[in-house]
Every structure is written in structure tokens, then in C-alpha cells.
Amino acid sequence: MKLIAFNKPCGVICQFSAHDTHRSLKDFIPVPRVYPAGRLDTDSEGLLLLTDNGALQARIAQPRHQTVKTYWAQLEGTPCPDKLKLLQQKMDLGDFVAKPAQIRLLDNGETAKLWARVPPVRFRKNVPDFWLEIRIGEGKNRQVRRMTAKAGYPCLRLVRVAVGRINLFDLQLGLGEWRRINRLP
């Protein structure tokens, strides 16, 4: 069984086939017959796991298995306890009801671990932003972005830093780097 951890850059699409406007996994990972265990949207960055084992792929990706995914989100606005509490409750997103997220405000020392994003997030001098750690067990399509937007915080940047017990910073993977790993999420 192969299990690969990849630090996906912004702008890379989570497929191996060529794409007209985006780089694909094929541009980074020369390993045959591995497939993403879940996806990150093209604008998101960070930890992506790939495997050749269908059962493991399902255990990681399918919401029913509740594998916790940890994200760091740069959000537009100023943290307000009442608005943040919305993320910690069930949230109707139209096509499904998201389970409560676990959240934690991040400080500048923690986010200093992150690489510069290319392209950079648009900086607006008169619009504050902050970083929030968000842990969810579902990981449905654009779930974190949709949840933060519904709570009144547009997401400027989204980085997945962990899947289960596999943490991007423990792996010390640079942006665009991948490695075979033995540890299961």
C-alpha cells in the first residue's frame, strides 16, 4: 500500500489529468496509480493525502468516517464571539447541515510557519483579518469556506494543516513537495 503526503500549492487542481488553466497533481507527483483521498479546491493549499488503497481512500475522504481535517483559515473581519459561536453549532448550508466545528484563534507566531502564498492574498489596509483554526469531521465540498461565509467571515486563504494524526508541519514538507509516509491518519 502506498500513502503519499503532498503540500499542495494554491492553483493546483486535485486530478492527474491535464487541465487547460491549472497545474495538476501530475506536475508534482510522478507515482503511478495513486489517487487523492479527498480533495482540496483549487484555491486551497496544504496537506493532501494520496493512496493506491481504495478502502483507505474511503476512510480518509468519506464524511461518514469522520476523519478530522484541520484547516487554518485567514478570514476577513474582526473576531466576534457571537459570530464565531455560529461555527460551533450545526449550520444549514442548503444542500446539507454541517456538524459543529471546533475552532481556535491563531496567533501570529503560529501562522509564521506558513509559506508565502502565490498569488498573494489581496491586502486591504482598511479591512482587518484574522486567522482561525477550524477542525471538522466531514470535509464536504467547500465546506469550510461556506461555513465561514455564512458566519459573516469571507475566507481569504485556506490551508489544510492536518488529516487525522498526519500533520503537515511534523512532515516538514515544503510547498509543492511530497513524501511517502507510513503513518495512517
N, C-alpha and C. Protein backbone atom coordinates (compact mmCIF):
# COMPACT_ATOMS: atom_id res chain seq x y z
N MET A 1 0.84 -1.18 0.00
CA MET A 1 0.00 0.00 0.00
C MET A 1 0.88 1.24 0.00
N LYS A 2 0.54 2.19 -0.84
CA LYS A 2 1.24 3.46 -0.89
C LYS A 2 0.38 4.52 -0.22
N LEU A 3 1.02 5.37 0.57
CA LEU A 3 0.36 6.54 1.15
C LEU A 3 1.33 7.70 0.97
N ILE A 4 0.86 8.74 0.33
CA ILE A 4 1.70 9.89 -0.01
C ILE A 4 1.09 11.14 0.61
N ALA A 5 1.94 11.97 1.20
CA ALA A 5 1.54 13.28 1.69
C ALA A 5 2.11 14.32 0.74
N PHE A 6 1.29 15.27 0.35
CA PHE A 6 1.67 16.31 -0.60
C PHE A 6 1.25 17.66 -0.05
N ASN A 7 2.13 18.64 -0.13
CA ASN A 7 1.81 20.01 0.27
C ASN A 7 1.38 20.75 -0.99
N LYS A 8 0.08 20.77 -1.24
CA LYS A 8 -0.49 21.31 -2.47
C LYS A 8 -0.45 22.84 -2.49
N PRO A 9 0.14 23.41 -3.54
CA PRO A 9 0.11 24.87 -3.68
C PRO A 9 -1.26 25.35 -4.16
N CYS A 10 -1.51 26.62 -3.95
CA CYS A 10 -2.70 27.28 -4.50
C CYS A 10 -2.61 27.19 -6.02
N GLY A 11 -3.75 26.97 -6.67
CA GLY A 11 -3.79 26.94 -8.13
C GLY A 11 -3.60 25.58 -8.74
N VAL A 12 -3.36 24.56 -7.92
CA VAL A 12 -3.19 23.19 -8.42
C VAL A 12 -4.52 22.46 -8.27
N ILE A 13 -4.94 21.80 -9.34
CA ILE A 13 -6.20 21.06 -9.31
C ILE A 13 -5.95 19.63 -8.85
N CYS A 14 -6.85 19.06 -8.07
CA CYS A 14 -6.66 17.73 -7.47
C CYS A 14 -7.07 16.61 -8.43
N GLN A 15 -6.38 16.56 -9.55
CA GLN A 15 -6.55 15.48 -10.51
C GLN A 15 -5.22 15.29 -11.23
N PHE A 16 -5.02 14.12 -11.82
CA PHE A 16 -3.78 13.84 -12.53
C PHE A 16 -3.87 14.19 -14.00
N SER A 17 -5.06 14.25 -14.55
CA SER A 17 -5.19 14.58 -15.96
C SER A 17 -4.91 16.07 -16.18
N ALA A 18 -4.44 16.38 -17.37
CA ALA A 18 -4.09 17.76 -17.71
C ALA A 18 -5.32 18.65 -17.65
N HIS A 19 -5.10 19.91 -17.34
CA HIS A 19 -6.16 20.91 -17.26
C HIS A 19 -5.75 22.11 -18.09
N ASP A 20 -6.72 22.79 -18.68
CA ASP A 20 -6.41 23.92 -19.57
C ASP A 20 -5.77 25.10 -18.85
N THR A 21 -6.19 25.36 -17.62
CA THR A 21 -5.73 26.59 -16.96
C THR A 21 -4.98 26.38 -15.65
N HIS A 22 -4.94 25.16 -15.14
CA HIS A 22 -4.30 24.90 -13.85
C HIS A 22 -3.28 23.78 -13.94
N ARG A 23 -2.28 23.86 -13.09
CA ARG A 23 -1.37 22.72 -12.95
C ARG A 23 -2.14 21.59 -12.27
N SER A 24 -1.68 20.36 -12.48
CA SER A 24 -2.36 19.21 -11.89
C SER A 24 -1.37 18.43 -11.03
N LEU A 25 -1.87 17.42 -10.35
CA LEU A 25 -1.02 16.59 -9.50
C LEU A 25 0.10 15.93 -10.30
N LYS A 26 -0.15 15.66 -11.57
CA LYS A 26 0.85 15.03 -12.44
C LYS A 26 2.11 15.90 -12.55
N ASP A 27 1.97 17.21 -12.41
CA ASP A 27 3.11 18.12 -12.48
C ASP A 27 4.03 18.01 -11.27
N PHE A 28 3.57 17.33 -10.21
CA PHE A 28 4.33 17.25 -8.97
C PHE A 28 4.68 15.83 -8.54
N ILE A 29 3.76 14.90 -8.76
CA ILE A 29 3.89 13.55 -8.17
C ILE A 29 4.02 12.51 -9.28
N PRO A 30 5.23 11.97 -9.49
CA PRO A 30 5.45 11.01 -10.57
C PRO A 30 5.21 9.55 -10.15
N VAL A 31 4.24 9.32 -9.29
CA VAL A 31 3.96 7.98 -8.78
C VAL A 31 2.71 7.46 -9.47
N PRO A 32 2.80 6.31 -10.14
CA PRO A 32 1.61 5.79 -10.84
C PRO A 32 0.58 5.19 -9.89
N ARG A 33 -0.66 5.25 -10.34
CA ARG A 33 -1.79 4.57 -9.69
C ARG A 33 -2.02 4.96 -8.23
N VAL A 34 -1.84 6.22 -7.91
CA VAL A 34 -2.29 6.74 -6.62
C VAL A 34 -3.35 7.80 -6.91
N TYR A 35 -4.27 7.96 -5.96
CA TYR A 35 -5.40 8.86 -6.17
C TYR A 35 -5.63 9.67 -4.89
N PRO A 36 -6.13 10.90 -5.04
CA PRO A 36 -6.38 11.72 -3.85
C PRO A 36 -7.41 11.08 -2.94
N ALA A 37 -7.13 11.13 -1.65
CA ALA A 37 -8.08 10.69 -0.63
C ALA A 37 -8.76 11.96 -0.13
N GLY A 38 -9.79 12.38 -0.85
CA GLY A 38 -10.42 13.66 -0.60
C GLY A 38 -9.78 14.69 -1.52
N ARG A 39 -10.29 15.88 -1.48
CA ARG A 39 -9.78 16.92 -2.38
C ARG A 39 -9.62 18.22 -1.62
N LEU A 40 -8.85 19.08 -2.22
CA LEU A 40 -8.78 20.49 -1.81
C LEU A 40 -9.17 21.28 -3.04
N ASP A 41 -10.00 22.30 -2.88
CA ASP A 41 -10.35 23.08 -4.06
C ASP A 41 -9.11 23.78 -4.60
N THR A 42 -9.18 24.24 -5.81
CA THR A 42 -8.02 24.80 -6.50
C THR A 42 -7.41 25.97 -5.73
N ASP A 43 -8.22 26.77 -5.06
CA ASP A 43 -7.72 27.94 -4.33
C ASP A 43 -7.17 27.61 -2.95
N SER A 44 -7.38 26.38 -2.49
CA SER A 44 -6.90 25.99 -1.17
C SER A 44 -5.51 25.36 -1.27
N GLU A 45 -4.82 25.35 -0.14
CA GLU A 45 -3.45 24.86 -0.08
C GLU A 45 -3.33 23.83 1.03
N GLY A 46 -2.16 23.17 1.05
CA GLY A 46 -1.84 22.35 2.20
C GLY A 46 -1.90 20.86 1.96
N LEU A 47 -2.10 20.13 3.05
CA LEU A 47 -1.97 18.68 3.08
C LEU A 47 -3.03 17.97 2.26
N LEU A 48 -2.54 17.19 1.30
CA LEU A 48 -3.38 16.31 0.50
C LEU A 48 -2.78 14.92 0.60
N LEU A 49 -3.59 13.93 0.96
CA LEU A 49 -3.12 12.56 1.02
C LEU A 49 -3.55 11.83 -0.24
N LEU A 50 -2.67 10.98 -0.75
CA LEU A 50 -2.95 10.16 -1.92
C LEU A 50 -2.61 8.72 -1.59
N THR A 51 -3.36 7.78 -2.15
CA THR A 51 -3.13 6.37 -1.87
C THR A 51 -3.54 5.51 -3.05
N ASP A 52 -3.06 4.29 -3.06
CA ASP A 52 -3.49 3.31 -4.06
C ASP A 52 -4.47 2.31 -3.43
N ASN A 53 -4.87 2.55 -2.19
CA ASN A 53 -5.74 1.64 -1.45
C ASN A 53 -7.15 2.25 -1.35
N GLY A 54 -8.11 1.62 -2.03
CA GLY A 54 -9.47 2.16 -2.06
C GLY A 54 -10.14 2.25 -0.70
N ALA A 55 -9.92 1.25 0.15
CA ALA A 55 -10.54 1.27 1.48
C ALA A 55 -9.97 2.42 2.32
N LEU A 56 -8.66 2.64 2.24
CA LEU A 56 -8.06 3.75 2.98
C LEU A 56 -8.52 5.08 2.41
N GLN A 57 -8.61 5.16 1.10
CA GLN A 57 -9.09 6.38 0.46
C GLN A 57 -10.48 6.73 0.97
N ALA A 58 -11.36 5.75 1.05
CA ALA A 58 -12.72 5.98 1.55
C ALA A 58 -12.71 6.39 3.02
N ARG A 59 -11.87 5.72 3.82
CA ARG A 59 -11.81 6.04 5.26
C ARG A 59 -11.37 7.49 5.49
N ILE A 60 -10.48 7.97 4.67
CA ILE A 60 -9.99 9.34 4.82
C ILE A 60 -11.00 10.34 4.28
N ALA A 61 -11.58 10.04 3.13
CA ALA A 61 -12.36 11.05 2.40
C ALA A 61 -13.84 11.09 2.74
N GLN A 62 -14.46 9.96 2.96
CA GLN A 62 -15.91 9.95 3.11
C GLN A 62 -16.34 10.53 4.45
N PRO A 63 -17.26 11.49 4.41
CA PRO A 63 -17.71 12.15 5.64
C PRO A 63 -18.22 11.21 6.72
N ARG A 64 -18.79 10.08 6.33
CA ARG A 64 -19.35 9.16 7.34
C ARG A 64 -18.28 8.58 8.26
N HIS A 65 -17.02 8.58 7.83
CA HIS A 65 -15.94 8.05 8.66
C HIS A 65 -15.40 9.07 9.67
N GLN A 66 -15.77 10.34 9.50
CA GLN A 66 -15.43 11.40 10.46
C GLN A 66 -13.93 11.57 10.72
N THR A 67 -13.10 11.36 9.71
CA THR A 67 -11.67 11.65 9.86
C THR A 67 -11.53 13.16 9.99
N VAL A 68 -10.95 13.61 11.09
CA VAL A 68 -10.87 15.04 11.36
C VAL A 68 -9.84 15.69 10.44
N LYS A 69 -10.27 16.77 9.80
CA LYS A 69 -9.39 17.60 8.99
C LYS A 69 -9.24 18.94 9.68
N THR A 70 -7.99 19.41 9.76
CA THR A 70 -7.71 20.67 10.44
C THR A 70 -7.26 21.70 9.41
N TYR A 71 -7.91 22.85 9.44
CA TYR A 71 -7.63 23.93 8.49
C TYR A 71 -7.23 25.18 9.24
N TRP A 72 -6.37 25.97 8.63
CA TRP A 72 -6.10 27.33 9.08
C TRP A 72 -6.70 28.24 8.04
N ALA A 73 -7.61 29.10 8.49
CA ALA A 73 -8.33 30.00 7.59
C ALA A 73 -8.02 31.44 7.93
N GLN A 74 -7.61 32.19 6.92
CA GLN A 74 -7.45 33.63 7.08
C GLN A 74 -8.79 34.24 6.69
N LEU A 75 -9.41 34.91 7.64
CA LEU A 75 -10.77 35.40 7.47
C LEU A 75 -10.81 36.91 7.50
N GLU A 76 -11.68 37.45 6.69
CA GLU A 76 -11.86 38.91 6.63
C GLU A 76 -12.77 39.33 7.78
N GLY A 77 -12.35 40.37 8.49
CA GLY A 77 -13.15 40.89 9.59
C GLY A 77 -12.40 40.84 10.90
N THR A 78 -13.13 41.08 11.97
CA THR A 78 -12.59 41.06 13.32
C THR A 78 -13.32 39.97 14.10
N PRO A 79 -12.59 39.15 14.87
CA PRO A 79 -13.28 38.07 15.59
C PRO A 79 -14.31 38.60 16.56
N CYS A 80 -15.50 38.07 16.48
CA CYS A 80 -16.61 38.43 17.37
C CYS A 80 -17.13 37.13 17.97
N PRO A 81 -17.15 37.01 19.30
CA PRO A 81 -17.57 35.75 19.93
C PRO A 81 -18.93 35.23 19.44
N ASP A 82 -19.90 36.11 19.24
CA ASP A 82 -21.23 35.66 18.81
C ASP A 82 -21.19 35.07 17.40
N LYS A 83 -20.44 35.69 16.50
CA LYS A 83 -20.33 35.18 15.14
C LYS A 83 -19.52 33.88 15.11
N LEU A 84 -18.47 33.81 15.92
CA LEU A 84 -17.65 32.59 15.95
C LEU A 84 -18.43 31.40 16.50
N LYS A 85 -19.36 31.67 17.44
CA LYS A 85 -20.18 30.60 18.01
C LYS A 85 -21.02 29.91 16.94
N LEU A 86 -21.36 30.63 15.86
CA LEU A 86 -22.13 30.03 14.78
C LEU A 86 -21.40 28.84 14.17
N LEU A 87 -20.07 28.91 14.12
CA LEU A 87 -19.28 27.82 13.56
C LEU A 87 -19.27 26.59 14.47
N GLN A 88 -19.57 26.81 15.74
CA GLN A 88 -19.54 25.72 16.72
C GLN A 88 -20.92 25.10 16.92
N GLN A 89 -21.85 25.43 16.03
CA GLN A 89 -23.20 24.88 16.07
C GLN A 89 -23.49 24.21 14.72
N LYS A 90 -24.52 23.39 14.67
CA LYS A 90 -24.95 22.86 13.38
C LYS A 90 -25.28 24.04 12.48
N MET A 91 -24.93 23.91 11.19
CA MET A 91 -25.13 25.02 10.27
C MET A 91 -25.74 24.49 8.97
N ASP A 92 -26.91 25.03 8.62
CA ASP A 92 -27.58 24.63 7.38
C ASP A 92 -26.91 25.35 6.21
N LEU A 93 -26.29 24.58 5.33
CA LEU A 93 -25.60 25.15 4.17
C LEU A 93 -26.40 24.93 2.88
N GLY A 94 -27.68 24.62 3.02
CA GLY A 94 -28.54 24.45 1.85
C GLY A 94 -28.63 23.01 1.41
N ASP A 95 -27.53 22.45 0.93
CA ASP A 95 -27.56 21.06 0.45
C ASP A 95 -27.23 20.06 1.55
N PHE A 96 -26.77 20.52 2.71
CA PHE A 96 -26.56 19.66 3.86
C PHE A 96 -26.41 20.52 5.11
N VAL A 97 -26.55 19.88 6.27
CA VAL A 97 -26.37 20.56 7.55
C VAL A 97 -25.00 20.13 8.08
N ALA A 98 -24.11 21.11 8.20
CA ALA A 98 -22.76 20.83 8.69
C ALA A 98 -22.80 20.63 10.20
N LYS A 99 -22.01 19.68 10.66
CA LYS A 99 -21.88 19.45 12.09
C LYS A 99 -21.04 20.57 12.70
N PRO A 100 -21.13 20.79 14.00
CA PRO A 100 -20.34 21.85 14.64
C PRO A 100 -18.84 21.64 14.43
N ALA A 101 -18.15 22.74 14.22
CA ALA A 101 -16.70 22.71 14.07
C ALA A 101 -16.06 23.04 15.41
N GLN A 102 -14.84 22.58 15.59
CA GLN A 102 -14.02 23.03 16.71
C GLN A 102 -13.16 24.16 16.18
N ILE A 103 -13.08 25.25 16.92
CA ILE A 103 -12.33 26.41 16.43
C ILE A 103 -11.37 26.92 17.50
N ARG A 104 -10.34 27.62 17.02
CA ARG A 104 -9.37 28.23 17.92
C ARG A 104 -8.72 29.39 17.17
N LEU A 105 -8.67 30.55 17.84
CA LEU A 105 -7.97 31.69 17.24
C LEU A 105 -6.47 31.40 17.21
N LEU A 106 -5.83 31.75 16.10
CA LEU A 106 -4.40 31.54 15.95
C LEU A 106 -3.67 32.86 16.16
N ASP A 107 -2.44 32.76 16.65
CA ASP A 107 -1.65 33.98 16.81
C ASP A 107 -0.60 34.07 15.69
N ASN A 108 0.03 35.22 15.58
CA ASN A 108 0.99 35.46 14.51
C ASN A 108 2.17 34.51 14.56
N GLY A 109 2.57 34.07 15.75
CA GLY A 109 3.68 33.14 15.86
C GLY A 109 3.37 31.81 15.18
N GLU A 110 2.13 31.35 15.32
CA GLU A 110 1.73 30.10 14.68
C GLU A 110 1.68 30.24 13.17
N THR A 111 1.04 31.30 12.70
CA THR A 111 0.88 31.46 11.26
C THR A 111 2.18 31.83 10.56
N ALA A 112 3.20 32.19 11.32
CA ALA A 112 4.51 32.47 10.72
C ALA A 112 5.12 31.21 10.10
N LYS A 113 4.61 30.03 10.48
CA LYS A 113 5.07 28.76 9.90
C LYS A 113 4.68 28.64 8.42
N LEU A 114 3.66 29.38 8.01
CA LEU A 114 3.15 29.25 6.65
C LEU A 114 4.07 29.93 5.64
N TRP A 115 4.07 29.41 4.46
CA TRP A 115 4.81 29.94 3.33
C TRP A 115 4.04 31.10 2.72
N ALA A 116 4.72 31.89 1.91
CA ALA A 116 4.04 32.97 1.19
C ALA A 116 3.14 32.35 0.13
N ARG A 117 1.95 32.86 0.01
CA ARG A 117 1.03 32.33 -1.00
C ARG A 117 1.31 32.98 -2.34
N VAL A 118 1.24 32.16 -3.39
CA VAL A 118 1.37 32.65 -4.76
C VAL A 118 0.12 32.22 -5.51
N PRO A 119 -0.69 33.17 -6.01
CA PRO A 119 -0.55 34.61 -5.86
C PRO A 119 -0.91 35.04 -4.44
N PRO A 120 -0.38 36.19 -4.01
CA PRO A 120 -0.66 36.63 -2.64
C PRO A 120 -2.12 37.01 -2.45
N VAL A 121 -2.57 36.89 -1.21
CA VAL A 121 -3.92 37.34 -0.85
C VAL A 121 -3.92 38.86 -0.98
N ARG A 122 -4.98 39.38 -1.56
CA ARG A 122 -5.08 40.83 -1.74
C ARG A 122 -5.13 41.52 -0.37
N PHE A 123 -4.21 42.43 -0.14
CA PHE A 123 -4.14 43.15 1.12
C PHE A 123 -4.95 44.44 1.01
N ARG A 124 -5.81 44.67 1.98
CA ARG A 124 -6.59 45.92 2.03
C ARG A 124 -6.33 46.57 3.37
N LYS A 125 -5.71 47.73 3.33
CA LYS A 125 -5.27 48.42 4.53
C LYS A 125 -6.41 48.69 5.52
N ASN A 126 -7.60 48.96 5.02
CA ASN A 126 -8.72 49.33 5.89
C ASN A 126 -9.64 48.17 6.25
N VAL A 127 -9.28 46.95 5.86
CA VAL A 127 -10.10 45.78 6.17
C VAL A 127 -9.28 44.82 7.02
N PRO A 128 -9.66 44.64 8.28
CA PRO A 128 -8.89 43.72 9.15
C PRO A 128 -9.11 42.27 8.76
N ASP A 129 -8.19 41.42 9.20
CA ASP A 129 -8.36 39.99 9.02
C ASP A 129 -7.75 39.28 10.23
N PHE A 130 -8.06 38.00 10.36
CA PHE A 130 -7.52 37.19 11.45
C PHE A 130 -7.46 35.75 10.99
N TRP A 131 -6.72 34.93 11.74
CA TRP A 131 -6.56 33.51 11.43
C TRP A 131 -7.31 32.66 12.46
N LEU A 132 -7.98 31.63 11.96
CA LEU A 132 -8.76 30.73 12.80
C LEU A 132 -8.43 29.29 12.42
N GLU A 133 -8.18 28.46 13.44
CA GLU A 133 -8.06 27.03 13.20
C GLU A 133 -9.46 26.43 13.25
N ILE A 134 -9.78 25.62 12.25
CA ILE A 134 -11.10 25.01 12.15
C ILE A 134 -10.92 23.51 11.96
N ARG A 135 -11.55 22.73 12.84
CA ARG A 135 -11.46 21.26 12.76
C ARG A 135 -12.86 20.72 12.48
N ILE A 136 -12.95 19.93 11.39
CA ILE A 136 -14.23 19.33 11.02
C ILE A 136 -14.02 17.85 10.70
N GLY A 137 -15.07 17.06 10.85
CA GLY A 137 -15.00 15.64 10.54
C GLY A 137 -15.63 15.28 9.22
N GLU A 138 -16.26 16.23 8.57
CA GLU A 138 -16.97 15.92 7.33
C GLU A 138 -16.10 16.20 6.10
N GLY A 139 -15.76 17.43 5.87
CA GLY A 139 -14.94 17.79 4.72
C GLY A 139 -15.69 17.71 3.40
N LYS A 140 -16.90 18.20 3.37
CA LYS A 140 -17.67 18.21 2.13
C LYS A 140 -17.23 19.38 1.25
N ASN A 141 -17.75 19.42 0.03
CA ASN A 141 -17.32 20.39 -0.97
C ASN A 141 -17.37 21.83 -0.46
N ARG A 142 -16.20 22.46 -0.39
CA ARG A 142 -16.03 23.87 0.02
C ARG A 142 -16.69 24.16 1.37
N GLN A 143 -16.76 23.16 2.23
CA GLN A 143 -17.49 23.29 3.50
C GLN A 143 -16.95 24.41 4.38
N VAL A 144 -15.65 24.47 4.59
CA VAL A 144 -15.09 25.49 5.49
C VAL A 144 -15.37 26.88 4.93
N ARG A 145 -15.14 27.08 3.66
CA ARG A 145 -15.40 28.40 3.05
C ARG A 145 -16.88 28.78 3.18
N ARG A 146 -17.76 27.82 2.97
CA ARG A 146 -19.19 28.10 3.06
C ARG A 146 -19.61 28.40 4.50
N MET A 147 -19.04 27.67 5.45
CA MET A 147 -19.38 27.91 6.85
C MET A 147 -18.91 29.28 7.31
N THR A 148 -17.67 29.63 6.99
CA THR A 148 -17.16 30.93 7.44
C THR A 148 -17.91 32.08 6.78
N ALA A 149 -18.27 31.91 5.50
CA ALA A 149 -19.04 32.96 4.82
C ALA A 149 -20.40 33.14 5.48
N LYS A 150 -21.04 32.02 5.83
CA LYS A 150 -22.36 32.11 6.47
C LYS A 150 -22.27 32.77 7.85
N ALA A 151 -21.14 32.59 8.52
CA ALA A 151 -20.94 33.23 9.82
C ALA A 151 -20.54 34.70 9.67
N GLY A 152 -20.38 35.17 8.44
CA GLY A 152 -20.05 36.58 8.20
C GLY A 152 -18.57 36.85 8.02
N TYR A 153 -17.79 35.80 7.77
CA TYR A 153 -16.35 35.94 7.60
C TYR A 153 -15.91 35.35 6.26
N PRO A 154 -15.81 36.16 5.22
CA PRO A 154 -15.29 35.64 3.95
C PRO A 154 -13.88 35.09 4.14
N CYS A 155 -13.62 33.96 3.51
CA CYS A 155 -12.33 33.28 3.63
C CYS A 155 -11.36 33.83 2.58
N LEU A 156 -10.25 34.38 3.04
CA LEU A 156 -9.24 34.93 2.15
C LEU A 156 -8.21 33.88 1.74
N ARG A 157 -7.89 32.99 2.66
CA ARG A 157 -6.89 31.96 2.41
C ARG A 157 -7.26 30.74 3.26
N LEU A 158 -7.11 29.54 2.67
CA LEU A 158 -7.45 28.32 3.39
C LEU A 158 -6.34 27.29 3.20
N VAL A 159 -5.79 26.83 4.33
CA VAL A 159 -4.68 25.88 4.32
C VAL A 159 -5.06 24.69 5.18
N ARG A 160 -5.05 23.48 4.59
CA ARG A 160 -5.29 22.28 5.40
C ARG A 160 -3.95 21.88 6.01
N VAL A 161 -3.88 21.83 7.34
CA VAL A 161 -2.62 21.53 8.03
C VAL A 161 -2.57 20.12 8.59
N ALA A 162 -3.71 19.43 8.67
CA ALA A 162 -3.69 18.07 9.20
C ALA A 162 -4.89 17.27 8.71
N VAL A 163 -4.66 15.96 8.57
CA VAL A 163 -5.72 14.99 8.31
C VAL A 163 -5.52 13.90 9.36
N GLY A 164 -6.47 13.79 10.28
CA GLY A 164 -6.29 12.84 11.38
C GLY A 164 -5.03 13.19 12.15
N ARG A 165 -4.16 12.20 12.32
CA ARG A 165 -2.91 12.41 13.08
C ARG A 165 -1.75 12.85 12.20
N ILE A 166 -1.97 12.99 10.91
CA ILE A 166 -0.90 13.40 9.99
C ILE A 166 -0.91 14.92 9.89
N ASN A 167 0.20 15.53 10.33
CA ASN A 167 0.30 16.98 10.39
C ASN A 167 1.36 17.46 9.41
N LEU A 168 1.01 18.45 8.62
CA LEU A 168 1.91 18.98 7.60
C LEU A 168 3.21 19.51 8.18
N PHE A 169 3.14 20.14 9.34
CA PHE A 169 4.34 20.73 9.94
C PHE A 169 5.26 19.65 10.52
N ASP A 170 4.69 18.57 11.04
CA ASP A 170 5.52 17.45 11.50
C ASP A 170 6.29 16.83 10.34
N LEU A 171 5.67 16.80 9.16
CA LEU A 171 6.30 16.21 7.98
C LEU A 171 7.38 17.12 7.38
N GLN A 172 7.32 18.39 7.73
CA GLN A 172 8.27 19.39 7.21
C GLN A 172 8.32 19.37 5.68
N LEU A 173 7.14 19.35 5.07
CA LEU A 173 7.05 19.39 3.62
C LEU A 173 6.98 20.82 3.13
N GLY A 174 7.88 21.18 2.25
CA GLY A 174 7.81 22.50 1.63
C GLY A 174 6.68 22.54 0.62
N LEU A 175 6.33 23.71 0.20
CA LEU A 175 5.26 23.89 -0.77
C LEU A 175 5.61 23.15 -2.07
N GLY A 176 4.69 22.31 -2.53
CA GLY A 176 4.90 21.54 -3.75
C GLY A 176 5.69 20.26 -3.55
N GLU A 177 6.08 19.95 -2.30
CA GLU A 177 6.84 18.73 -2.02
C GLU A 177 5.91 17.60 -1.60
N TRP A 178 6.35 16.36 -1.85
CA TRP A 178 5.60 15.18 -1.45
C TRP A 178 6.56 14.16 -0.87
N ARG A 179 5.98 13.22 -0.12
CA ARG A 179 6.76 12.17 0.51
C ARG A 179 5.87 10.97 0.78
N ARG A 180 6.44 9.78 0.63
CA ARG A 180 5.74 8.57 1.07
C ARG A 180 5.79 8.53 2.58
N ILE A 181 4.68 8.14 3.17
CA ILE A 181 4.63 8.04 4.63
C ILE A 181 4.07 6.68 5.03
N ASN A 182 4.36 6.28 6.26
CA ASN A 182 3.88 5.00 6.78
C ASN A 182 2.76 5.14 7.80
N ARG A 183 2.66 6.33 8.37
CA ARG A 183 1.67 6.57 9.43
C ARG A 183 0.28 6.71 8.83
N LEU A 184 -0.71 6.09 9.43
CA LEU A 184 -2.08 6.22 8.96
C LEU A 184 -2.77 7.35 9.74
N PRO A 185 -3.72 8.00 9.06
CA PRO A 185 -4.46 9.08 9.74
C PRO A 185 -5.27 8.52 10.85
